């Protein structure tokens, strides 16, 4: 019977040793998740919401620094007026920010 206690005690010491050696790795993964991954996912959701909300008349700045006004919206692209008689069709992902909204429909 004492032989069984010795075996069980050795196994519990091994498990405690394994847990104590894995604990720093678990803490590093948790810190990495809460400081890097979670905020990045939040920013991605906000950006997707911004791009879905683009409509005709919005003033935008592209990621390349081009200022323009949205003239048309399709599924994956927008038509942007950047000067008189100059319109450029670009991917929605190229939109950096929306700087101003026009008051369409308001009189």
PDB file of N, CA and C in Angstrom:
ATOM      1  N   UNK A   1       0.818  -1.191   0.000  1.00  0.00           N
ATOM      2  CA  UNK A   1       0.000   0.000   0.000  1.00  0.00           C
ATOM      3  C   UNK A   1       0.863   1.256   0.000  1.00  0.00           C
ATOM      4  N   UNK A   2       1.948   1.241   0.772  1.00  0.00           N
ATOM      5  CA  UNK A   2       2.831   2.402   0.785  1.00  0.00           C
ATOM      6  C   UNK A   2       3.510   2.600  -0.558  1.00  0.00           C
ATOM      7  N   UNK A   3       3.717   1.504  -1.273  1.00  0.00           N
ATOM      8  CA  UNK A   3       4.317   1.593  -2.603  1.00  0.00           C
ATOM      9  C   UNK A   3       3.388   2.378  -3.559  1.00  0.00           C
ATOM     10  N   UNK A   4       2.064   2.170  -3.420  1.00  0.00           N
ATOM     11  CA  UNK A   4       1.084   2.882  -4.214  1.00  0.00           C
ATOM     12  C   UNK A   4       1.094   4.373  -3.881  1.00  0.00           C
ATOM     13  N   UNK A   5       1.217   4.731  -2.599  1.00  0.00           N
ATOM     14  CA  UNK A   5       1.301   6.139  -2.198  1.00  0.00           C
ATOM     15  C   UNK A   5       2.520   6.819  -2.808  1.00  0.00           C
ATOM     16  N   UNK A   6       3.614   6.146  -2.855  1.00  0.00           N
ATOM     17  CA  UNK A   6       4.857   6.705  -3.405  1.00  0.00           C
ATOM     18  C   UNK A   6       4.678   6.976  -4.904  1.00  0.00           C
ATOM     19  N   UNK A   7       4.044   6.046  -5.592  1.00  0.00           N
ATOM     20  CA  UNK A   7       3.809   6.223  -7.028  1.00  0.00           C
ATOM     21  C   UNK A   7       2.861   7.398  -7.266  1.00  0.00           C
ATOM     22  N   UNK A   8       1.771   7.474  -6.499  1.00  0.00           N
ATOM     23  CA  UNK A   8       0.816   8.576  -6.659  1.00  0.00           C
ATOM     24  C   UNK A   8       1.454   9.919  -6.321  1.00  0.00           C
ATOM     25  N   UNK A   9       2.271   9.973  -5.302  1.00  0.00           N
ATOM     26  CA  UNK A   9       2.936  11.211  -4.927  1.00  0.00           C
ATOM     27  C   UNK A   9       3.923  11.641  -6.016  1.00  0.00           C
ATOM     28  N   UNK A  10       4.622  10.703  -6.609  1.00  0.00           N
ATOM     29  CA  UNK A  10       5.562  11.022  -7.686  1.00  0.00           C
ATOM     30  C   UNK A  10       4.824  11.567  -8.901  1.00  0.00           C
ATOM     31  N   UNK A  11       3.655  10.999  -9.192  1.00  0.00           N
ATOM     32  CA  UNK A  11       2.868  11.480 -10.326  1.00  0.00           C
ATOM     33  C   UNK A  11       2.339  12.890 -10.056  1.00  0.00           C
ATOM     34  N   UNK A  12       1.875  13.157  -8.838  1.00  0.00           N
ATOM     35  CA  UNK A  12       1.351  14.494  -8.527  1.00  0.00           C
ATOM     36  C   UNK A  12       2.469  15.533  -8.549  1.00  0.00           C
ATOM     37  N   UNK A  13       3.676  15.156  -8.119  1.00  0.00           N
ATOM     38  CA  UNK A  13       4.816  16.074  -8.203  1.00  0.00           C
ATOM     39  C   UNK A  13       5.160  16.367  -9.660  1.00  0.00           C
ATOM     40  N   UNK A  14       5.036  15.383 -10.501  1.00  0.00           N
ATOM     41  CA  UNK A  14       5.306  15.572 -11.936  1.00  0.00           C
ATOM     42  C   UNK A  14       4.302  16.503 -12.581  1.00  0.00           C
ATOM     43  N   UNK A  15       3.031  16.361 -12.219  1.00  0.00           N
ATOM     44  CA  UNK A  15       1.980  17.231 -12.763  1.00  0.00           C
ATOM     45  C   UNK A  15       2.192  18.654 -12.273  1.00  0.00           C
ATOM     46  N   UNK A  16       2.501  18.830 -10.999  1.00  0.00           N
ATOM     47  CA  UNK A  16       2.744  20.168 -10.458  1.00  0.00           C
ATOM     48  C   UNK A  16       3.953  20.803 -11.138  1.00  0.00           C
ATOM     49  N   UNK A  17       4.956  20.009 -11.393  1.00  0.00           N
ATOM     50  CA  UNK A  17       6.145  20.512 -12.077  1.00  0.00           C
ATOM     51  C   UNK A  17       5.801  20.934 -13.501  1.00  0.00           C
ATOM     52  N   UNK A  18       4.964  20.142 -14.187  1.00  0.00           N
ATOM     53  CA  UNK A  18       4.555  20.462 -15.555  1.00  0.00           C
ATOM     54  C   UNK A  18       3.743  21.754 -15.592  1.00  0.00           C
ATOM     55  N   UNK A  19       2.808  21.908 -14.664  1.00  0.00           N
ATOM     56  CA  UNK A  19       1.968  23.110 -14.601  1.00  0.00           C
ATOM     57  C   UNK A  19       2.821  24.339 -14.308  1.00  0.00           C
ATOM     58  N   UNK A  20       3.754  24.213 -13.361  1.00  0.00           N
ATOM     59  CA  UNK A  20       4.582  25.364 -13.022  1.00  0.00           C
ATOM     60  C   UNK A  20       5.527  25.746 -14.161  1.00  0.00           C
ATOM     61  N   UNK A  21       5.909  24.798 -14.995  1.00  0.00           N
ATOM     62  CA  UNK A  21       6.772  25.146 -16.126  1.00  0.00           C
ATOM     63  C   UNK A  21       5.969  25.708 -17.300  1.00  0.00           C
ATOM     64  N   UNK A  22       4.703  25.348 -17.419  1.00  0.00           N
ATOM     65  CA  UNK A  22       3.866  25.867 -18.503  1.00  0.00           C
ATOM     66  C   UNK A  22       3.200  27.191 -18.163  1.00  0.00           C
ATOM     67  N   UNK A  23       3.117  27.530 -16.901  1.00  0.00           N
ATOM     68  CA  UNK A  23       2.434  28.750 -16.470  1.00  0.00           C
ATOM     69  C   UNK A  23       2.986  30.020 -17.128  1.00  0.00           C
ATOM     70  N   UNK A  24       4.295  30.225 -17.223  1.00  0.00           N
ATOM     71  CA  UNK A  24       4.788  31.435 -17.902  1.00  0.00           C
ATOM     72  C   UNK A  24       4.357  31.522 -19.367  1.00  0.00           C
ATOM     73  N   UNK A  25       4.332  30.394 -20.063  1.00  0.00           N
ATOM     74  CA  UNK A  25       3.908  30.399 -21.461  1.00  0.00           C
ATOM     75  C   UNK A  25       2.427  30.748 -21.589  1.00  0.00           C
ATOM     76  N   UNK A  26       1.620  30.232 -20.679  1.00  0.00           N
ATOM     77  CA  UNK A  26       0.193  30.540 -20.682  1.00  0.00           C
ATOM     78  C   UNK A  26      -0.025  32.026 -20.406  1.00  0.00           C
ATOM     79  N   UNK A  27       0.715  32.595 -19.477  1.00  0.00           N
ATOM     80  CA  UNK A  27       0.596  34.021 -19.176  1.00  0.00           C
ATOM     81  C   UNK A  27       1.038  34.880 -20.357  1.00  0.00           C
ATOM     82  N   UNK A  28       2.100  34.483 -21.035  1.00  0.00           N
ATOM     83  CA  UNK A  28       2.567  35.240 -22.203  1.00  0.00           C
ATOM     84  C   UNK A  28       1.509  35.219 -23.307  1.00  0.00           C
ATOM     85  N   UNK A  29       0.904  34.078 -23.542  1.00  0.00           N
ATOM     86  CA  UNK A  29      -0.148  33.976 -24.559  1.00  0.00           C
ATOM     87  C   UNK A  29      -1.348  34.836 -24.183  1.00  0.00           C
ATOM     88  N   UNK A  30      -1.727  34.838 -22.907  1.00  0.00           N
ATOM     89  CA  UNK A  30      -2.859  35.655 -22.467  1.00  0.00           C
ATOM     90  C   UNK A  30      -2.567  37.145 -22.638  1.00  0.00           C
ATOM     91  N   UNK A  31      -1.384  37.583 -22.270  1.00  0.00           N
ATOM     92  CA  UNK A  31      -1.000  38.989 -22.434  1.00  0.00           C
ATOM     93  C   UNK A  31      -0.972  39.353 -23.914  1.00  0.00           C
ATOM     94  N   UNK A  32      -0.418  38.497 -24.738  1.00  0.00           N
ATOM     95  CA  UNK A  32      -0.364  38.728 -26.185  1.00  0.00           C
ATOM     96  C   UNK A  32      -1.775  38.894 -26.754  1.00  0.00           C
ATOM     97  N   UNK A  33      -2.703  38.052 -26.319  1.00  0.00           N
ATOM     98  CA  UNK A  33      -4.073  38.133 -26.802  1.00  0.00           C
ATOM     99  C   UNK A  33      -4.729  39.453 -26.413  1.00  0.00           C
ATOM    100  N   UNK A  34      -4.640  39.828 -25.138  1.00  0.00           N
ATOM    101  CA  UNK A  34      -5.356  41.011 -24.668  1.00  0.00           C
ATOM    102  C   UNK A  34      -4.698  42.323 -25.089  1.00  0.00           C
ATOM    103  N   UNK A  35      -3.402  42.340 -25.336  1.00  0.00           N
ATOM    104  CA  UNK A  35      -2.735  43.585 -25.717  1.00  0.00           C
ATOM    105  C   UNK A  35      -2.578  43.767 -27.217  1.00  0.00           C
ATOM    106  N   UNK A  36      -2.591  42.675 -27.979  1.00  0.00           N
ATOM    107  CA  UNK A  36      -2.344  42.795 -29.416  1.00  0.00           C
ATOM    108  C   UNK A  36      -3.511  42.293 -30.259  1.00  0.00           C
ATOM    109  N   UNK A  37      -3.901  41.057 -30.082  1.00  0.00           N
ATOM    110  CA  UNK A  37      -4.907  40.456 -30.959  1.00  0.00           C
ATOM    111  C   UNK A  37      -6.302  41.056 -30.789  1.00  0.00           C
ATOM    112  N   UNK A  38      -6.752  41.204 -29.583  1.00  0.00           N
ATOM    113  CA  UNK A  38      -8.109  41.701 -29.339  1.00  0.00           C
ATOM    114  C   UNK A  38      -8.307  43.135 -29.851  1.00  0.00           C
ATOM    115  N   UNK A  39      -7.396  44.077 -29.552  1.00  0.00           N
ATOM    116  CA  UNK A  39      -7.575  45.422 -30.111  1.00  0.00           C
ATOM    117  C   UNK A  39      -7.513  45.449 -31.642  1.00  0.00           C
ATOM    118  N   UNK A  40      -6.679  44.602 -32.228  1.00  0.00           N
ATOM    119  CA  UNK A  40      -6.584  44.554 -33.689  1.00  0.00           C
ATOM    120  C   UNK A  40      -7.896  44.061 -34.298  1.00  0.00           C
ATOM    121  N   UNK A  41      -8.516  43.072 -33.699  1.00  0.00           N
ATOM    122  CA  UNK A  41      -9.798  42.585 -34.191  1.00  0.00           C
ATOM    123  C   UNK A  41     -10.864  43.669 -34.086  1.00  0.00           C
ATOM    124  N   UNK A  42     -10.819  44.458 -33.022  1.00  0.00           N
ATOM    125  CA  UNK A  42     -11.779  45.547 -32.849  1.00  0.00           C
ATOM    126  C   UNK A  42     -11.598  46.594 -33.953  1.00  0.00           C
ATOM    127  N   UNK A  43     -10.344  46.946 -34.257  1.00  0.00           N
ATOM    128  CA  UNK A  43     -10.074  47.915 -35.320  1.00  0.00           C
ATOM    129  C   UNK A  43     -10.534  47.383 -36.683  1.00  0.00           C
ATOM    130  N   UNK A  44     -10.349  46.101 -36.929  1.00  0.00           N
ATOM    131  CA  UNK A  44     -10.787  45.518 -38.192  1.00  0.00           C
ATOM    132  C   UNK A  44     -12.299  45.587 -38.339  1.00  0.00           C
ATOM    133  N   UNK A  45     -13.020  45.334 -37.268  1.00  0.00           N
ATOM    134  CA  UNK A  45     -14.483  45.423 -37.311  1.00  0.00           C
ATOM    135  C   UNK A  45     -14.936  46.856 -37.570  1.00  0.00           C
ATOM    136  N   UNK A  46     -14.282  47.836 -36.920  1.00  0.00           N
ATOM    137  CA  UNK A  46     -14.636  49.239 -37.127  1.00  0.00           C
ATOM    138  C   UNK A  46     -14.359  49.659 -38.567  1.00  0.00           C
ATOM    139  N   UNK A  47     -13.234  49.198 -39.124  1.00  0.00           N
ATOM    140  CA  UNK A  47     -12.880  49.537 -40.508  1.00  0.00           C
ATOM    141  C   UNK A  47     -13.876  48.929 -41.479  1.00  0.00           C
ATOM    142  N   UNK A  48     -14.272  47.683 -41.254  1.00  0.00           N
ATOM    143  CA  UNK A  48     -15.259  47.041 -42.119  1.00  0.00           C
ATOM    144  C   UNK A  48     -16.584  47.798 -42.066  1.00  0.00           C
ATOM    145  N   UNK A  49     -16.956  48.246 -40.878  1.00  0.00           N
ATOM    146  CA  UNK A  49     -18.191  49.025 -40.724  1.00  0.00           C
ATOM    147  C   UNK A  49     -18.079  50.355 -41.478  1.00  0.00           C
ATOM    148  N   UNK A  50     -16.912  50.999 -41.402  1.00  0.00           N
ATOM    149  CA  UNK A  50     -16.682  52.253 -42.115  1.00  0.00           C
ATOM    150  C   UNK A  50     -16.810  52.052 -43.621  1.00  0.00           C
ATOM    151  N   UNK A  51     -16.203  51.010 -44.139  1.00  0.00           N
ATOM    152  CA  UNK A  51     -16.234  50.769 -45.582  1.00  0.00           C
ATOM    153  C   UNK A  51     -17.628  50.378 -46.057  1.00  0.00           C
ATOM    154  N   UNK A  52     -18.393  49.693 -45.222  1.00  0.00           N
ATOM    155  CA  UNK A  52     -19.764  49.341 -45.598  1.00  0.00           C
ATOM    156  C   UNK A  52     -20.663  50.577 -45.625  1.00  0.00           C
ATOM    157  N   UNK A  53     -20.322  51.588 -44.843  1.00  0.00           N
ATOM    158  CA  UNK A  53     -21.142  52.787 -44.746  1.00  0.00           C
ATOM    159  C   UNK A  53     -20.830  53.863 -45.773  1.00  0.00           C
ATOM    160  N   UNK A  54     -19.888  53.602 -46.675  1.00  0.00           N
ATOM    161  CA  UNK A  54     -19.538  54.594 -47.695  1.00  0.00           C
ATOM    162  C   UNK A  54     -20.708  54.760 -48.653  1.00  0.00           C
ATOM    163  N   UNK A  55     -21.070  56.022 -48.915  1.00  0.00           N
ATOM    164  CA  UNK A  55     -22.179  56.284 -49.835  1.00  0.00           C
ATOM    165  C   UNK A  55     -21.841  57.459 -50.739  1.00  0.00           C
ATOM    166  N   UNK A  56     -22.650  57.653 -51.741  1.00  0.00           N
ATOM    167  CA  UNK A  56     -22.443  58.728 -52.701  1.00  0.00           C
ATOM    168  C   UNK A  56     -22.464  60.074 -51.982  1.00  0.00           C
ATOM    169  N   UNK A  57     -21.470  60.903 -52.302  1.00  0.00           N
ATOM    170  CA  UNK A  57     -21.391  62.228 -51.716  1.00  0.00           C
ATOM    171  C   UNK A  57     -20.405  62.338 -50.564  1.00  0.00           C
ATOM    172  N   UNK A  58     -19.940  61.218 -50.040  1.00  0.00           N
ATOM    173  CA  UNK A  58     -18.958  61.251 -48.950  1.00  0.00           C
ATOM    174  C   UNK A  58     -17.623  61.764 -49.471  1.00  0.00           C
ATOM    175  N   UNK A  59     -16.979  62.597 -48.676  1.00  0.00           N
ATOM    176  CA  UNK A  59     -15.635  63.066 -49.016  1.00  0.00           C
ATOM    177  C   UNK A  59     -14.648  62.145 -48.330  1.00  0.00           C
ATOM    178  N   UNK A  60     -13.688  61.642 -49.105  1.00  0.00           N
ATOM    179  CA  UNK A  60     -12.763  60.644 -48.584  1.00  0.00           C
ATOM    180  C   UNK A  60     -11.321  61.024 -48.869  1.00  0.00           C
ATOM    181  N   UNK A  61     -10.429  60.379 -48.148  1.00  0.00           N
ATOM    182  CA  UNK A  61      -8.997  60.420 -48.441  1.00  0.00           C
ATOM    183  C   UNK A  61      -8.578  58.969 -48.606  1.00  0.00           C
ATOM    184  N   UNK A  62      -7.934  58.656 -49.718  1.00  0.00           N
ATOM    185  CA  UNK A  62      -7.507  57.288 -49.957  1.00  0.00           C
ATOM    186  C   UNK A  62      -6.232  56.995 -49.175  1.00  0.00           C
ATOM    187  N   UNK A  63      -5.875  55.742 -49.124  1.00  0.00           N
ATOM    188  CA  UNK A  63      -4.644  55.369 -48.431  1.00  0.00           C
ATOM    189  C   UNK A  63      -3.419  55.910 -49.145  1.00  0.00           C
ATOM    190  N   UNK A  64      -3.557  56.281 -50.404  1.00  0.00           N
ATOM    191  CA  UNK A  64      -2.469  56.894 -51.153  1.00  0.00           C
ATOM    192  C   UNK A  64      -2.429  58.409 -51.020  1.00  0.00           C
ATOM    193  N   UNK A  65      -3.406  58.990 -50.322  1.00  0.00           N
ATOM    194  CA  UNK A  65      -3.411  60.429 -50.079  1.00  0.00           C
ATOM    195  C   UNK A  65      -4.242  61.237 -51.064  1.00  0.00           C
ATOM    196  N   UNK A  66      -5.009  60.593 -51.905  1.00  0.00           N
ATOM    197  CA  UNK A  66      -5.850  61.306 -52.873  1.00  0.00           C
ATOM    198  C   UNK A  66      -7.150  61.719 -52.192  1.00  0.00           C
ATOM    199  N   UNK A  67      -7.482  63.008 -52.310  1.00  0.00           N
ATOM    200  CA  UNK A  67      -8.730  63.534 -51.761  1.00  0.00           C
ATOM    201  C   UNK A  67      -9.768  63.523 -52.866  1.00  0.00           C
ATOM    202  N   UNK A  68     -10.986  63.127 -52.530  1.00  0.00           N
ATOM    203  CA  UNK A  68     -12.027  63.106 -53.538  1.00  0.00           C
ATOM    204  C   UNK A  68     -13.396  62.934 -52.922  1.00  0.00           C
ATOM    205  N   UNK A  69     -14.393  62.897 -53.811  1.00  0.00           N
ATOM    206  CA  UNK A  69     -15.779  62.737 -53.415  1.00  0.00           C
ATOM    207  C   UNK A  69     -16.324  61.487 -54.086  1.00  0.00           C
ATOM    208  N   UNK A  70     -17.034  60.671 -53.331  1.00  0.00           N
ATOM    209  CA  UNK A  70     -17.596  59.435 -53.870  1.00  0.00           C
ATOM    210  C   UNK A  70     -18.751  59.786 -54.793  1.00  0.00           C
ATOM    211  N   UNK A  71     -18.658  59.297 -56.036  1.00  0.00           N
ATOM    212  CA  UNK A  71     -19.701  59.537 -57.035  1.00  0.00           C
ATOM    213  C   UNK A  71     -20.579  58.314 -57.246  1.00  0.00           C
ATOM    214  N   UNK A  72     -20.063  57.146 -56.927  1.00  0.00           N
ATOM    215  CA  UNK A  72     -20.829  55.917 -57.095  1.00  0.00           C
ATOM    216  C   UNK A  72     -20.232  54.813 -56.239  1.00  0.00           C
ATOM    217  N   UNK A  73     -21.107  53.888 -55.828  1.00  0.00           N
ATOM    218  CA  UNK A  73     -20.669  52.795 -54.964  1.00  0.00           C
ATOM    219  C   UNK A  73     -21.137  51.479 -55.577  1.00  0.00           C
ATOM    220  N   UNK A  74     -20.215  50.529 -55.668  1.00  0.00           N
ATOM    221  CA  UNK A  74     -20.550  49.169 -56.088  1.00  0.00           C
ATOM    222  C   UNK A  74     -20.199  48.233 -54.944  1.00  0.00           C
ATOM    223  N   UNK A  75     -20.246  46.942 -55.182  1.00  0.00           N
ATOM    224  CA  UNK A  75     -19.967  45.965 -54.121  1.00  0.00           C
ATOM    225  C   UNK A  75     -18.563  46.123 -53.559  1.00  0.00           C
ATOM    226  N   UNK A  76     -17.553  46.064 -54.431  1.00  0.00           N
ATOM    227  CA  UNK A  76     -16.164  46.092 -53.979  1.00  0.00           C
ATOM    228  C   UNK A  76     -15.426  47.364 -54.359  1.00  0.00           C
ATOM    229  N   UNK A  77     -16.059  48.239 -55.105  1.00  0.00           N
ATOM    230  CA  UNK A  77     -15.349  49.419 -55.589  1.00  0.00           C
ATOM    231  C   UNK A  77     -16.199  50.677 -55.457  1.00  0.00           C
ATOM    232  N   UNK A  78     -15.525  51.809 -55.589  1.00  0.00           N
ATOM    233  CA  UNK A  78     -16.194  53.103 -55.560  1.00  0.00           C
ATOM    234  C   UNK A  78     -15.675  53.939 -56.725  1.00  0.00           C
ATOM    235  N   UNK A  79     -16.504  54.832 -57.187  1.00  0.00           N
ATOM    236  CA  UNK A  79     -16.110  55.789 -58.214  1.00  0.00           C
ATOM    237  C   UNK A  79     -15.885  57.113 -57.498  1.00  0.00           C
ATOM    238  N   UNK A  80     -14.649  57.621 -57.588  1.00  0.00           N
ATOM    239  CA  UNK A  80     -14.270  58.813 -56.838  1.00  0.00           C
ATOM    240  C   UNK A  80     -13.947  59.944 -57.804  1.00  0.00           C
ATOM    241  N   UNK A  81     -14.564  61.103 -57.576  1.00  0.00           N
ATOM    242  CA  UNK A  81     -14.276  62.294 -58.367  1.00  0.00           C
ATOM    243  C   UNK A  81     -13.143  63.029 -57.671  1.00  0.00           C
ATOM    244  N   UNK A  82     -12.006  63.163 -58.376  1.00  0.00           N
ATOM    245  CA  UNK A  82     -10.849  63.810 -57.754  1.00  0.00           C
ATOM    246  C   UNK A  82     -10.586  65.199 -58.326  1.00  0.00           C
ATOM    247  N   UNK A  83     -11.209  65.538 -59.451  1.00  0.00           N
ATOM    248  CA  UNK A  83     -11.110  66.871 -60.048  1.00  0.00           C
ATOM    249  C   UNK A  83     -12.259  67.018 -61.042  1.00  0.00           C
ATOM    250  N   UNK A  84     -12.407  68.199 -61.621  1.00  0.00           N
ATOM    251  CA  UNK A  84     -13.446  68.388 -62.623  1.00  0.00           C
ATOM    252  C   UNK A  84     -13.189  67.434 -63.789  1.00  0.00           C
ATOM    253  N   UNK A  85     -14.215  66.702 -64.155  1.00  0.00           N
ATOM    254  CA  UNK A  85     -14.166  65.749 -65.262  1.00  0.00           C
ATOM    255  C   UNK A  85     -13.118  64.644 -65.066  1.00  0.00           C
ATOM    256  N   UNK A  86     -12.704  64.385 -63.839  1.00  0.00           N
ATOM    257  CA  UNK A  86     -11.756  63.299 -63.556  1.00  0.00           C
ATOM    258  C   UNK A  86     -12.359  62.405 -62.475  1.00  0.00           C
ATOM    259  N   UNK A  87     -12.700  61.181 -62.888  1.00  0.00           N
ATOM    260  CA  UNK A  87     -13.245  60.201 -61.952  1.00  0.00           C
ATOM    261  C   UNK A  87     -12.380  58.957 -62.004  1.00  0.00           C
ATOM    262  N   UNK A  88     -12.151  58.380 -60.844  1.00  0.00           N
ATOM    263  CA  UNK A  88     -11.301  57.211 -60.738  1.00  0.00           C
ATOM    264  C   UNK A  88     -12.101  56.109 -60.046  1.00  0.00           C
ATOM    265  N   UNK A  89     -12.045  54.909 -60.636  1.00  0.00           N
ATOM    266  CA  UNK A  89     -12.681  53.765 -59.991  1.00  0.00           C
ATOM    267  C   UNK A  89     -11.609  53.058 -59.172  1.00  0.00           C
ATOM    268  N   UNK A  90     -11.888  52.865 -57.878  1.00  0.00           N
ATOM    269  CA  UNK A  90     -10.903  52.214 -57.015  1.00  0.00           C
ATOM    270  C   UNK A  90     -11.587  51.249 -56.069  1.00  0.00           C
ATOM    271  N   UNK A  91     -10.786  50.366 -55.516  1.00  0.00           N
ATOM    272  CA  UNK A  91     -11.256  49.379 -54.573  1.00  0.00           C
ATOM    273  C   UNK A  91     -11.647  50.058 -53.262  1.00  0.00           C
ATOM    274  N   UNK A  92     -12.665  49.550 -52.584  1.00  0.00           N
ATOM    275  CA  UNK A  92     -13.077  50.126 -51.297  1.00  0.00           C
ATOM    276  C   UNK A  92     -11.956  50.048 -50.265  1.00  0.00           C
ATOM    277  N   UNK A  93     -11.122  49.035 -50.380  1.00  0.00           N
ATOM    278  CA  UNK A  93     -10.030  48.871 -49.420  1.00  0.00           C
ATOM    279  C   UNK A  93      -9.026  50.015 -49.499  1.00  0.00           C
ATOM    280  N   UNK A  94      -9.024  50.769 -50.606  1.00  0.00           N
ATOM    281  CA  UNK A  94      -8.103  51.892 -50.760  1.00  0.00           C
ATOM    282  C   UNK A  94      -8.553  53.126 -49.995  1.00  0.00           C
ATOM    283  N   UNK A  95      -9.757  53.114 -49.466  1.00  0.00           N
ATOM    284  CA  UNK A  95     -10.254  54.262 -48.707  1.00  0.00           C
ATOM    285  C   UNK A  95      -9.557  54.291 -47.355  1.00  0.00           C
ATOM    286  N   UNK A  96      -8.915  55.408 -47.065  1.00  0.00           N
ATOM    287  CA  UNK A  96      -8.230  55.563 -45.781  1.00  0.00           C
ATOM    288  C   UNK A  96      -9.176  56.074 -44.714  1.00  0.00           C
ATOM    289  N   UNK A  97      -9.818  57.213 -44.979  1.00  0.00           N
ATOM    290  CA  UNK A  97     -10.759  57.801 -44.022  1.00  0.00           C
ATOM    291  C   UNK A  97     -11.884  58.499 -44.764  1.00  0.00           C
ATOM    292  N   UNK A  98     -12.966  58.695 -44.066  1.00  0.00           N
ATOM    293  CA  UNK A  98     -14.067  59.524 -44.566  1.00  0.00           C
ATOM    294  C   UNK A  98     -13.963  60.828 -43.794  1.00  0.00           C
ATOM    295  N   UNK A  99     -13.721  61.936 -44.523  1.00  0.00           N
ATOM    296  CA  UNK A  99     -13.491  63.207 -43.838  1.00  0.00           C
ATOM    297  C   UNK A  99     -14.725  64.078 -43.752  1.00  0.00           C
ATOM    298  N   UNK A 100     -15.678  63.874 -44.625  1.00  0.00           N
ATOM    299  CA  UNK A 100     -16.863  64.711 -44.566  1.00  0.00           C
ATOM    300  C   UNK A 100     -18.027  64.039 -45.245  1.00  0.00           C
ATOM    301  N   UNK A 101     -19.198  64.293 -44.724  1.00  0.00           N
ATOM    302  CA  UNK A 101     -20.420  63.753 -45.293  1.00  0.00           C
ATOM    303  C   UNK A 101     -21.227  64.903 -45.856  1.00  0.00           C
ATOM    304  N   UNK A 102     -21.814  64.685 -47.029  1.00  0.00           N
ATOM    305  CA  UNK A 102     -22.667  65.719 -47.584  1.00  0.00           C
ATOM    306  C   UNK A 102     -24.055  65.581 -46.966  1.00  0.00           C
ATOM    307  N   UNK A 103     -24.820  66.632 -47.085  1.00  0.00           N
ATOM    308  CA  UNK A 103     -26.162  66.633 -46.515  1.00  0.00           C
ATOM    309  C   UNK A 103     -27.181  66.279 -47.589  1.00  0.00           C
ATOM    310  N   UNK A 104     -27.023  65.118 -48.218  1.00  0.00           N
ATOM    311  CA  UNK A 104     -27.989  64.688 -49.227  1.00  0.00           C
ATOM    312  C   UNK A 104     -29.296  64.363 -48.545  1.00  0.00           C
ATOM    313  N   UNK A 105     -30.344  64.772 -49.149  1.00  0.00           N
ATOM    314  CA  UNK A 105     -31.653  64.476 -48.598  1.00  0.00           C
ATOM    315  C   UNK A 105     -32.108  65.495 -47.558  1.00  0.00           C
ATOM    316  N   UNK A 106     -31.250  66.362 -47.109  1.00  0.00           N
ATOM    317  CA  UNK A 106     -31.632  67.387 -46.134  1.00  0.00           C
ATOM    318  C   UNK A 106     -31.827  68.710 -46.869  1.00  0.00           C
ATOM    319  N   UNK A 107     -32.934  69.345 -46.606  1.00  0.00           N
ATOM    320  CA  UNK A 107     -33.201  70.634 -47.265  1.00  0.00           C
ATOM    321  C   UNK A 107     -33.582  71.664 -46.225  1.00  0.00           C
TER     322      UNK A 107
END
